[in-house]
């Protein structure tokens, strides 16, 4: 298992940043590998909700299913991921700070199958993609102001 934590300051109020991230349909706007994202369970997004994400990964179109593990409005969103040979947990937290929001992304990732063999190659790619994703959130949310 590999753990990672990243932080970024977004010059918008917590409510705006949380609303953007907690809407799963926004995922293709900030995660450059995501082609489609949709909630597959009934009702409002909450603990236990399920999500399906179609992404481009290592040159192939792949489907991953997520389960929402935690939701606290304006504070946190956490998902459990599985599929495509990758499993783990990702938690986004949002803190009000002077000038905006400190967004933190914490991840625990486990590579399985043949991906385990190329962990030294894949993990730096996933780490770089994580930083790019946070920068995209900042860019998109700040531009929508």
Foldseek 3Di string as FASTA:
>chain_A
DDKDKDKDFAQAALQLLQVQVLQQQNVVQQQVFWPGKDWPDDDDDAAQTKMWTWGQDPNDTWIKMKGWHGDDRSFKTKIWIDTPQKTWMWMWGWDADVRYIMIMIIIDMDGGDPVVVVCVPVVVVVVVSVVSSVVSSRVVSNVVD
